[in-house]
Protein backbone atom coordinates (compact mmCIF):
# COMPACT_ATOMS: atom_id res chain seq x y z
CA MET A 1 -62.60 14.34 -27.79
CA GLY A 2 -60.31 17.05 -28.48
CA ASP A 3 -58.87 18.66 -31.38
CA GLU A 4 -56.48 17.08 -33.26
CA PHE A 5 -52.88 18.77 -32.98
CA THR A 6 -49.65 18.40 -34.66
CA ILE A 7 -46.87 17.03 -32.75
CA GLY A 8 -43.71 16.07 -34.61
CA GLY A 9 -43.71 19.48 -36.87
CA CYS A 10 -43.62 19.81 -40.62
CA GLU A 11 -39.69 19.52 -41.93
CA GLU A 12 -39.94 19.36 -45.83
CA GLY A 13 -37.80 16.50 -46.90
CA TYR A 14 -38.52 14.15 -44.12
CA GLY A 15 -41.17 11.86 -43.17
CA GLN A 16 -42.34 10.53 -39.54
CA GLU A 17 -43.30 7.33 -38.36
CA ARG A 18 -43.79 4.85 -35.18
CA PRO A 19 -44.82 7.46 -32.92
CA LYS A 20 -44.60 6.11 -29.04
CA VAL A 21 -45.84 7.78 -26.00
CA VAL A 22 -45.91 7.08 -22.29
CA PHE A 23 -47.49 9.57 -19.20
CA GLY A 24 -44.59 10.44 -16.03
CA GLU A 25 -46.26 12.79 -13.37
CA ASN A 26 -47.68 15.54 -14.63
CA THR A 27 -46.52 15.33 -18.72
CA TYR A 28 -46.66 12.95 -21.46
CA PHE A 29 -43.23 12.27 -23.22
CA VAL A 30 -43.65 11.38 -27.41
CA ALA A 31 -41.06 9.70 -29.33
CA TRP A 32 -41.46 9.06 -33.31
CA VAL A 33 -38.97 8.07 -35.91
CA LYS A 34 -37.47 10.84 -38.30
CA TRP A 35 -36.37 9.72 -41.68
CA LYS A 36 -35.23 10.98 -45.34
CA TYR A 37 -34.57 8.47 -48.42
CA LEU A 38 -30.94 9.32 -49.60
CA GLY A 39 -31.62 7.28 -52.92
CA ASN A 40 -30.00 3.83 -53.84
CA GLY A 41 -32.21 1.81 -51.13
CA THR A 42 -30.46 4.20 -48.15
CA TYR A 43 -32.18 6.27 -45.35
CA TYR A 44 -31.20 8.77 -42.62
CA LYS A 45 -33.68 7.58 -39.29
CA SER A 46 -32.96 9.36 -36.36
CA VAL A 47 -35.55 9.27 -32.72
CA TRP A 48 -37.17 12.40 -31.82
CA GLY A 49 -39.36 13.37 -28.83
CA ASN A 50 -41.92 16.12 -27.72
CA LEU A 51 -42.89 16.81 -23.77
CA ILE A 52 -46.73 17.03 -24.26
CA THR A 53 -48.95 18.89 -21.57
CA PRO A 54 -52.41 17.42 -20.51
CA SER A 55 -53.87 20.41 -22.01
CA GLY A 56 -52.94 19.45 -25.53
CA GLU A 57 -49.89 21.58 -25.57
CA VAL A 58 -46.80 20.61 -27.13
CA ILE A 59 -43.38 21.86 -25.57
CA GLU A 60 -40.72 23.35 -27.66
CA PRO A 61 -38.16 22.31 -28.64
CA SER A 62 -38.10 19.10 -29.99
CA ILE A 63 -35.72 16.46 -28.41
CA LEU A 64 -32.83 14.45 -30.79
CA ILE A 65 -32.17 10.74 -29.04
CA ALA A 66 -29.12 11.07 -31.62
CA ASP A 67 -27.63 8.30 -34.00
CA SER A 68 -30.64 6.03 -33.67
CA SER A 69 -32.75 4.20 -36.88
CA TYR A 70 -35.69 2.61 -34.36
CA LEU A 71 -37.79 3.04 -31.63
CA TRP A 72 -39.45 0.09 -29.57
CA ALA A 73 -40.69 1.18 -26.31
CA LEU A 74 -40.87 4.03 -23.86
CA SER A 75 -41.11 3.61 -20.46
CA TYR A 76 -41.36 6.03 -17.20
CA GLY A 77 -40.10 5.55 -13.88
CA ALA A 78 -37.99 7.67 -11.09
CA GLY A 79 -38.48 10.99 -12.93
CA VAL A 80 -37.07 9.59 -16.39
CA PHE A 81 -38.16 8.34 -19.73
CA LEU A 82 -36.67 5.30 -21.04
CA CYS A 83 -36.46 5.00 -24.19
CA ILE A 84 -35.32 1.69 -26.05
CA ILE A 85 -33.91 1.88 -29.54
CA SER A 86 -31.31 0.77 -32.08
CA LYS A 87 -28.99 1.49 -34.44
CA LYS A 88 -30.00 0.07 -37.98
CA GLU A 89 -30.89 -3.70 -37.05
CA SER A 90 -28.32 -4.56 -34.41
CA MET A 91 -28.67 -4.68 -30.78
CA LEU A 92 -30.83 -2.61 -28.77
CA TYR A 93 -30.14 0.56 -26.39
CA GLY A 94 -31.32 3.21 -23.88
CA VAL A 95 -31.45 6.61 -23.92
CA ARG A 96 -32.77 8.30 -20.72
CA VAL A 97 -34.51 11.54 -21.00
CA THR A 98 -35.62 13.84 -17.59
CA ILE A 99 -39.67 15.25 -17.30
CA ASN A 100 -37.80 18.41 -18.09
CA GLY A 101 -37.04 17.22 -21.65
CA VAL A 102 -33.04 16.96 -21.40
CA VAL A 103 -31.44 13.91 -22.76
CA LEU A 104 -29.21 12.23 -19.93
CA ASP A 105 -27.78 9.90 -22.14
CA SER A 106 -25.87 11.62 -25.43
CA VAL A 107 -24.87 8.35 -25.96
CA PRO A 108 -26.70 5.90 -26.14
CA PHE A 109 -25.85 2.48 -23.47
CA LEU A 110 -25.91 -0.79 -24.58
CA ILE A 111 -28.31 -2.57 -22.66
CA THR A 112 -28.24 -6.53 -25.01
CA ASP A 113 -26.45 -7.22 -27.91
CA SER A 114 -29.05 -8.76 -29.20
CA TYR A 115 -32.21 -7.25 -31.37
CA GLY A 116 -35.51 -7.08 -31.69
CA PRO A 117 -39.02 -6.08 -30.90
CA SER A 118 -39.01 -4.86 -27.22
CA SER A 119 -41.15 -3.62 -23.97
CA ALA A 120 -40.52 -2.06 -20.91
CA CYS A 121 -42.16 -1.42 -17.26
CA PHE A 122 -41.06 0.69 -14.35
CA ASP A 123 -41.50 -1.60 -10.87
CA GLY A 124 -40.73 1.19 -8.49
CA GLU A 125 -36.87 0.68 -8.45
CA ASN A 126 -35.91 -0.46 -12.21
CA PHE A 127 -37.39 -0.57 -15.35
CA VAL A 128 -37.81 -4.34 -16.56
CA VAL A 129 -37.25 -4.85 -20.31
CA CYS A 130 -37.88 -7.80 -22.87
CA TRP A 131 -37.68 -8.16 -26.20
CA ILE A 132 -37.60 -11.42 -28.51
CA CYS A 133 -34.26 -12.27 -29.96
CA LYS A 134 -33.60 -13.99 -33.22
CA THR A 135 -31.08 -16.77 -33.26
CA GLU A 136 -29.89 -19.37 -35.62
CA SER A 137 -32.39 -21.93 -33.61
CA GLY A 138 -35.07 -19.98 -32.93
CA ASP A 139 -37.02 -17.25 -31.21
CA GLU A 140 -36.18 -16.72 -27.90
CA LEU A 141 -37.88 -14.06 -25.27
CA ARG A 142 -35.16 -12.41 -22.99
CA VAL A 143 -35.72 -9.98 -19.80
CA VAL A 144 -33.30 -7.45 -18.06
CA LYS A 145 -33.65 -5.05 -15.62
CA VAL A 146 -32.10 -2.01 -15.77
CA SER A 147 -31.92 0.63 -13.40
CA PRO A 148 -32.51 4.02 -13.66
CA GLU A 149 -29.33 5.82 -13.74
CA GLY A 150 -28.61 3.69 -16.86
CA LYS A 151 -27.06 0.28 -15.33
CA VAL A 152 -27.66 -2.53 -16.88
CA LEU A 153 -28.49 -4.98 -13.67
CA GLY A 154 -27.08 -8.67 -14.56
CA GLU A 155 -27.16 -10.99 -17.69
CA PRO A 156 -30.61 -11.29 -20.00
CA VAL A 157 -32.50 -14.52 -18.78
CA VAL A 158 -34.14 -16.34 -21.32
CA LEU A 159 -37.90 -16.90 -20.65
CA ASP A 160 -38.74 -18.70 -23.45
CA LYS A 161 -37.56 -20.43 -26.58
CA THR A 162 -38.94 -21.93 -29.86
CA GLY A 163 -38.49 -23.07 -33.14
CA TYR A 164 -41.92 -20.87 -34.07
CA TYR A 165 -42.36 -17.30 -34.44
CA PHE A 166 -42.17 -15.04 -31.71
CA CYS A 167 -43.83 -11.43 -31.93
CA PHE A 168 -44.75 -8.15 -30.26
CA PRO A 169 -43.98 -8.45 -26.41
CA ASP A 170 -45.67 -6.30 -23.81
CA ILE A 171 -44.62 -6.40 -20.38
CA VAL A 172 -46.37 -4.80 -17.21
CA ASN A 173 -45.75 -4.69 -13.16
CA THR A 174 -48.44 -6.24 -10.77
CA LYS A 175 -47.88 -6.15 -6.97
CA ASN A 176 -46.37 -9.95 -6.75
CA TYR A 177 -45.00 -10.43 -10.70
CA TYR A 178 -44.47 -9.32 -13.98
CA PHE A 179 -46.69 -10.16 -16.32
CA ILE A 180 -45.71 -10.59 -20.33
CA ILE A 181 -47.84 -11.65 -23.02
CA TYR A 182 -46.75 -12.26 -26.77
CA GLY A 183 -47.29 -13.82 -30.14
CA CYS A 184 -46.05 -17.74 -30.94
CA ALA A 185 -46.85 -18.79 -34.70
CA GLY A 186 -45.37 -21.60 -37.13
CA TYR A 187 -47.02 -22.67 -39.96
CA TYR A 188 -49.50 -25.25 -38.51
CA TYR A 189 -49.77 -22.79 -35.21
CA SER A 190 -50.49 -19.47 -33.46
CA ASP A 191 -51.45 -18.32 -30.02
CA LEU A 192 -51.74 -15.48 -27.91
CA LEU A 193 -49.02 -17.04 -24.79
CA GLY A 194 -48.55 -15.17 -21.31
CA VAL A 195 -45.25 -15.25 -18.82
CA LYS A 196 -46.05 -14.85 -15.32
CA LEU A 197 -42.76 -13.59 -14.12
CA THR A 198 -40.91 -13.46 -10.90
CA LYS A 199 -39.47 -10.18 -9.62
CA ASP A 200 -36.27 -11.52 -8.99
CA LEU A 201 -36.61 -12.79 -12.54
CA THR A 202 -36.08 -16.94 -11.49
CA ASN A 203 -39.02 -18.35 -12.34
CA ALA A 204 -41.19 -18.15 -15.20
CA GLN A 205 -44.77 -19.90 -15.86
CA GLN A 206 -45.96 -20.00 -19.25
CA ILE A 207 -49.97 -19.91 -19.51
CA GLU A 208 -51.74 -19.66 -22.96
CA ILE A 209 -54.41 -16.77 -22.21
CA SER A 210 -56.07 -16.52 -25.27
CA CYS A 211 -58.36 -19.58 -26.32
CA ASN A 212 -56.63 -20.02 -29.73
CA PRO A 213 -57.51 -16.64 -31.53
CA ALA A 214 -56.19 -18.18 -34.40
CA ARG A 215 -54.93 -21.78 -34.29
CA TYR A 216 -54.44 -22.31 -37.60
CA GLU A 217 -52.73 -22.77 -40.85
CA GLY A 218 -50.15 -19.98 -41.94
CA THR A 219 -51.98 -17.17 -38.80
CA LEU A 220 -50.14 -14.84 -36.88
CA THR A 221 -51.61 -12.58 -34.04
CA PHE A 222 -52.19 -9.28 -34.81
CA GLY A 223 -50.92 -7.54 -32.38
CA GLN A 224 -51.48 -7.76 -28.68
CA SER A 225 -51.33 -5.14 -25.76
CA VAL A 226 -51.82 -5.82 -21.91
CA SER A 227 -52.03 -3.08 -18.93
CA TYR A 228 -52.86 -3.17 -15.15
CA ASN A 229 -54.70 -1.09 -12.94
CA GLY A 230 -53.75 -2.44 -9.56
CA GLU A 231 -56.63 -4.64 -9.47
CA LYS A 232 -57.42 -5.72 -13.04
CA ILE A 233 -55.56 -7.20 -16.02
CA PHE A 234 -56.36 -6.11 -18.99
CA VAL A 235 -55.17 -7.72 -22.23
CA ALA A 236 -56.11 -6.91 -25.78
CA TYR A 237 -55.25 -9.08 -28.99
CA GLY A 238 -55.54 -9.10 -32.64
CA GLY A 239 -56.43 -12.78 -34.06
CA GLY A 240 -56.27 -14.38 -37.09
CA ILE A 241 -59.84 -13.83 -38.37
CA PRO A 242 -58.90 -10.68 -38.14
CA ASP A 243 -60.99 -9.38 -35.33
CA VAL A 244 -60.43 -7.63 -32.08
CA SER A 245 -60.57 -9.37 -28.36
CA LEU A 246 -60.51 -8.43 -24.50
CA ILE A 247 -60.00 -10.38 -21.94
CA ILE A 248 -60.00 -9.23 -18.20
CA LEU A 249 -58.07 -11.47 -15.71
CA ASN A 250 -57.85 -10.89 -11.87
CA GLU A 251 -54.80 -11.12 -10.04
CA ASN A 252 -54.05 -14.47 -10.29
CA LEU A 253 -54.71 -14.79 -13.85
CA GLY A 254 -57.92 -15.87 -13.66
CA ARG A 255 -60.21 -15.16 -16.56
CA ILE A 256 -62.81 -12.88 -15.22
CA THR A 257 -64.79 -12.35 -18.71
CA SER A 258 -63.94 -12.06 -22.91
CA LEU A 259 -65.44 -9.64 -25.11
CA ARG A 260 -64.91 -9.69 -29.13
CA LEU A 261 -64.83 -6.16 -29.37
CA ASP A 262 -64.53 -5.94 -33.63
CA GLU A 263 -64.54 -8.28 -36.39
CA GLY A 264 -63.60 -7.44 -40.09
CA ASP A 265 -60.55 -5.30 -41.57
CA CYS A 266 -59.31 -4.55 -38.00
CA CYS A 267 -56.03 -5.34 -35.91
CA TRP A 268 -53.56 -4.22 -33.50
CA PRO A 269 -55.03 -2.88 -30.22
CA ILE A 270 -53.50 -1.22 -27.82
CA VAL A 271 -55.26 -0.96 -24.09
CA ALA A 272 -53.90 1.73 -21.55
CA HIS A 273 -55.82 2.64 -18.07
CA ASN A 274 -55.60 6.36 -16.67
CA ASN A 275 -56.16 4.84 -13.13
CA LYS A 276 -60.22 4.93 -13.19
CA HIS A 277 -61.12 3.59 -16.68
CA PHE A 278 -59.27 1.31 -19.32
CA MET A 279 -59.13 2.60 -23.25
CA ILE A 280 -58.41 0.28 -26.09
CA ILE A 281 -57.64 1.47 -29.52
CA TRP A 282 -57.39 -0.51 -32.71
CA ALA A 283 -57.38 -0.46 -36.57
CA HIS A 284 -60.13 -0.99 -38.56
CA GLY A 285 -59.17 -0.64 -42.15
CA ASP A 286 -57.77 3.10 -42.42
CA LYS A 287 -59.84 4.09 -38.89
CA ILE A 288 -58.34 4.31 -35.53
CA ILE A 289 -61.39 2.86 -33.46
CA GLY A 290 -61.16 3.69 -29.51
CA SER A 291 -63.52 2.74 -26.78
CA LEU A 292 -63.53 2.92 -23.22
CA PHE A 293 -64.08 0.50 -20.42
CA THR A 294 -64.90 0.09 -16.33
CA PRO A 295 -62.75 -2.25 -14.74
CA ASN A 296 -64.58 -4.51 -15.04
CA GLY A 297 -65.64 -5.03 -19.29
CA LYS A 298 -68.30 -3.00 -19.26
CA ILE A 299 -68.16 -0.37 -22.55
CA ILE A 300 -69.04 2.99 -21.44
CA ASP A 301 -68.47 4.49 -24.97
CA ILE A 302 -66.77 3.87 -28.77
CA ASN A 303 -66.26 6.31 -31.24
CA THR A 304 -63.82 6.85 -33.98
CA ILE A 305 -60.50 8.80 -32.96
CA THR A 306 -59.04 9.30 -36.62
CA PRO A 307 -60.54 8.34 -39.71
CA ILE A 308 -56.90 7.60 -41.62
CA ALA A 309 -54.03 7.01 -39.83
CA ASP A 310 -51.55 4.60 -40.02
CA ASP A 311 -48.95 3.27 -36.71
CA PHE A 312 -50.12 4.81 -33.66
CA ASN A 313 -49.86 4.33 -29.76
CA LEU A 314 -52.03 5.64 -26.61
CA ALA A 315 -51.39 6.60 -22.70
CA GLY A 316 -53.68 7.13 -19.80
CA ALA A 317 -53.73 10.41 -17.22
CA PHE A 318 -56.27 10.98 -15.13
CA GLY A 319 -59.47 12.05 -16.22
CA GLN A 320 -58.02 11.73 -20.16
CA PHE A 321 -55.93 9.36 -22.25
CA LEU A 322 -53.75 10.90 -25.21
CA VAL A 323 -53.91 8.78 -28.98
CA VAL A 324 -50.84 9.29 -30.99
CA TYR A 325 -50.59 8.38 -34.44
CA GLN A 326 -49.13 8.56 -38.13
CA ARG A 327 -51.03 9.79 -41.17
CA GLN A 328 -50.21 11.17 -44.68
CA THR A 329 -50.36 14.85 -44.78
CA SER A 330 -50.79 14.56 -48.75
CA PRO A 331 -49.85 12.39 -51.57
CA ASP A 332 -46.10 12.80 -51.27
CA TRP A 333 -44.63 9.69 -49.96
CA GLN A 334 -42.72 11.44 -47.49
CA SER A 335 -45.27 13.33 -45.64
CA ASP A 336 -46.06 11.65 -42.71
CA ARG A 337 -46.67 13.11 -39.48
CA ILE A 338 -47.50 12.83 -36.23
CA PHE A 339 -50.33 13.95 -34.46
CA GLY A 340 -52.41 13.72 -31.44
CA ARG A 341 -55.88 14.07 -30.23
CA ILE A 342 -57.03 13.95 -26.56
CA VAL A 343 -59.34 11.65 -25.35
CA TRP A 344 -61.25 13.09 -22.38
CA ASP A 345 -62.51 10.84 -19.84
CA VAL A 346 -65.94 12.68 -18.55
CA GLU A 347 -66.69 10.39 -15.76
CA ALA A 348 -63.53 10.63 -14.35
CA CYS A 349 -63.28 14.24 -14.57
CA ARG A 350 -66.29 14.80 -13.15
CA GLU A 351 -65.09 12.98 -10.00
CA HIS A 352 -61.79 14.36 -9.50
CA PHE A 353 -60.77 17.21 -7.83
CA VAL A 354 -58.04 19.05 -5.93
CA ALA A 355 -58.11 21.55 -3.48
CA TYR A 356 -55.28 23.18 -2.24
CA PRO A 357 -53.59 24.10 -0.21
CA ASN A 358 -54.88 21.84 2.36
CA PRO A 359 -54.63 23.02 5.75
CA CYS A 360 -55.22 26.42 4.37
CA ARG A 361 -56.20 29.63 6.28
CA ASP A 362 -58.35 32.05 4.81
CA PHE A 363 -58.46 30.63 1.14
CA ILE A 364 -58.54 27.66 -1.01
CA ASN A 365 -58.03 26.56 -4.55
CA LEU A 366 -60.19 24.44 -6.25
CA GLN A 367 -58.89 22.66 -9.33
CA LEU A 368 -61.54 21.06 -11.83
CA ILE A 369 -61.15 19.23 -14.89
CA ALA A 370 -64.01 21.00 -17.40
CA VAL A 371 -65.32 18.56 -20.28
CA GLY A 372 -67.52 20.88 -21.77
CA ASP A 373 -69.53 23.91 -20.65
CA GLU A 374 -70.85 22.80 -16.84
CA GLU A 375 -72.38 24.48 -13.53
CA VAL A 376 -70.73 23.47 -10.32
CA GLU A 377 -72.02 23.63 -7.03
CA VAL A 378 -69.63 23.56 -3.87
CA LYS A 379 -70.79 23.61 -0.28
CA VAL A 380 -68.79 23.20 2.63
CA TYR A 381 -70.07 21.41 5.86
CA ASP A 382 -68.97 21.24 9.33
CA ILE A 383 -68.45 18.41 11.18
CA MET A 384 -71.54 18.24 12.40
CA GLY A 385 -73.12 18.20 9.42
CA ARG A 386 -73.94 21.91 8.89
CA LEU A 387 -73.95 23.81 5.57
CA ARG A 388 -71.49 26.85 6.37
CA MET A 389 -70.99 28.30 2.61
CA ARG A 390 -72.53 27.70 -1.15
CA GLU A 391 -71.26 29.28 -4.36
CA SER A 392 -71.12 28.01 -7.87
CA PHE A 393 -68.72 28.13 -10.28
CA GLN A 394 -69.38 28.04 -14.28
CA LEU A 395 -66.75 25.39 -16.64
CA LYS A 396 -66.21 26.09 -20.02
CA GLY A 397 -64.30 24.85 -22.91
CA LEU A 398 -61.79 21.65 -22.18
CA GLY A 399 -58.82 21.15 -19.55
CA VAL A 400 -57.81 22.31 -16.08
CA GLN A 401 -59.49 24.80 -14.46
CA GLU A 402 -59.39 26.66 -11.06
CA PHE A 403 -61.21 29.08 -8.71
CA PRO A 404 -60.26 30.63 -5.77
CA LEU A 405 -62.71 29.62 -2.41
CA ASN A 406 -63.10 32.62 -0.27
CA LEU A 407 -63.19 31.15 3.54
CA SER A 408 -62.48 34.07 5.83
CA ASN A 409 -66.04 33.79 7.47
CA LEU A 410 -65.01 30.07 8.69
CA SER A 411 -63.26 29.77 11.92
CA ARG A 412 -60.11 27.02 12.38
CA GLY A 413 -61.64 23.65 12.14
CA VAL A 414 -62.16 20.39 9.78
CA TYR A 415 -64.83 21.03 7.33
CA ILE A 416 -65.83 18.40 4.40
CA LEU A 417 -65.88 20.06 0.94
CA LYS A 418 -68.31 18.65 -1.45
CA VAL A 419 -68.15 19.01 -5.12
CA LYS A 420 -71.73 18.25 -6.87
CA ARG A 421 -71.22 18.18 -11.42
CA ASN A 422 -73.70 16.54 -13.10
CA ASN A 423 -75.91 14.64 -10.13
CA ASN A 424 -72.44 13.13 -9.68
CA VAL A 425 -71.19 14.21 -5.90
CA SER A 426 -67.53 13.91 -4.42
CA GLN A 427 -66.24 14.90 -1.11
CA GLN A 428 -62.80 15.84 0.52
CA LYS A 429 -61.66 16.47 3.98
CA ILE A 430 -59.94 20.10 4.57
CA CYS A 431 -58.34 21.82 7.24
CA LYS A 432 -58.48 25.87 8.17
CA PHE A 433 -55.84 27.07 10.39
């Protein structure tokens, strides 16, 4: 696990809260709300953001999303980060930020004239935004598509409506459908529900997925989150005991397994994946607890991410996860700041390497992710399986490191490059011309 680093800066007289994070191509985007108390019960609020490299470098300057008070969700697709925001307690708006940190919408574009907790995903062509809408007759779960150019595509579709209280939706895009989870609570009823939604938004099938996490008087579901890695769906939720639990579903939404991760003073789990493993973080008292899982639900490890924190969020990139969180830096109630910490996925890092350019002429670069001091053995075999070359490199510290391989003594042809790290061997075909 990497060292803690400051994301939001430290501007005196301003607090920072509600961090969100998403990964896009080769960079993270972290956004948060900056606020200042003006007296008489009024506040100044705006949404800010920063690009963060996978090595934990904060790219300056900070990005201002003007004329905004609340940050609900972030998503990435087609070269842009979509921020779902609102101005005070009315309407949902979108703001697009490029992977280079350029704000494309100086004036946020309107997504819907209703207002409530929301989530978003990207389906390869468009963003899909879902949210909880408060109406006089009760809560409604709604959804609409938004293009990467910032155009709302059609009218919002109502997926579910009730006299109960809906809360905290989260959405993922699978191969054949969208899957949305959300809490439903009333005085005599509380549960975690799901909706399987067709890609054209015309057919919504409601699914009960939690096996009654908190179905008793006056309780709520204490946060829920969903993530999909192309094969498995991980659903993490906080029940009313309170506890934190995990359900793993297959692509047909059949239950593979369920686990109780923690119990006692715990809630608000968030789940993400990095193409290799899943990670779940949750609050246990003031602490953030994090656990890595294989796609089959086997626990790889479990650790305290930080001993003191308030709100938090999570995103994954290959070989790592970025945890962002909010905590006070002094007794001053306006001293909340946003911090980050990279959690390295050691097994995934050891399996990963990039050899480029491929095809190559005399030199090829080997890119590895270091997770501490470690020797790497590199062997090159011809297509007959004969060893033609052997090298060793020393990795140090954390992060991406690069080494040149001199292939000038090899004739033109196809070879097998094998990389051995701590008894793990990965290989790739390379071509010399």
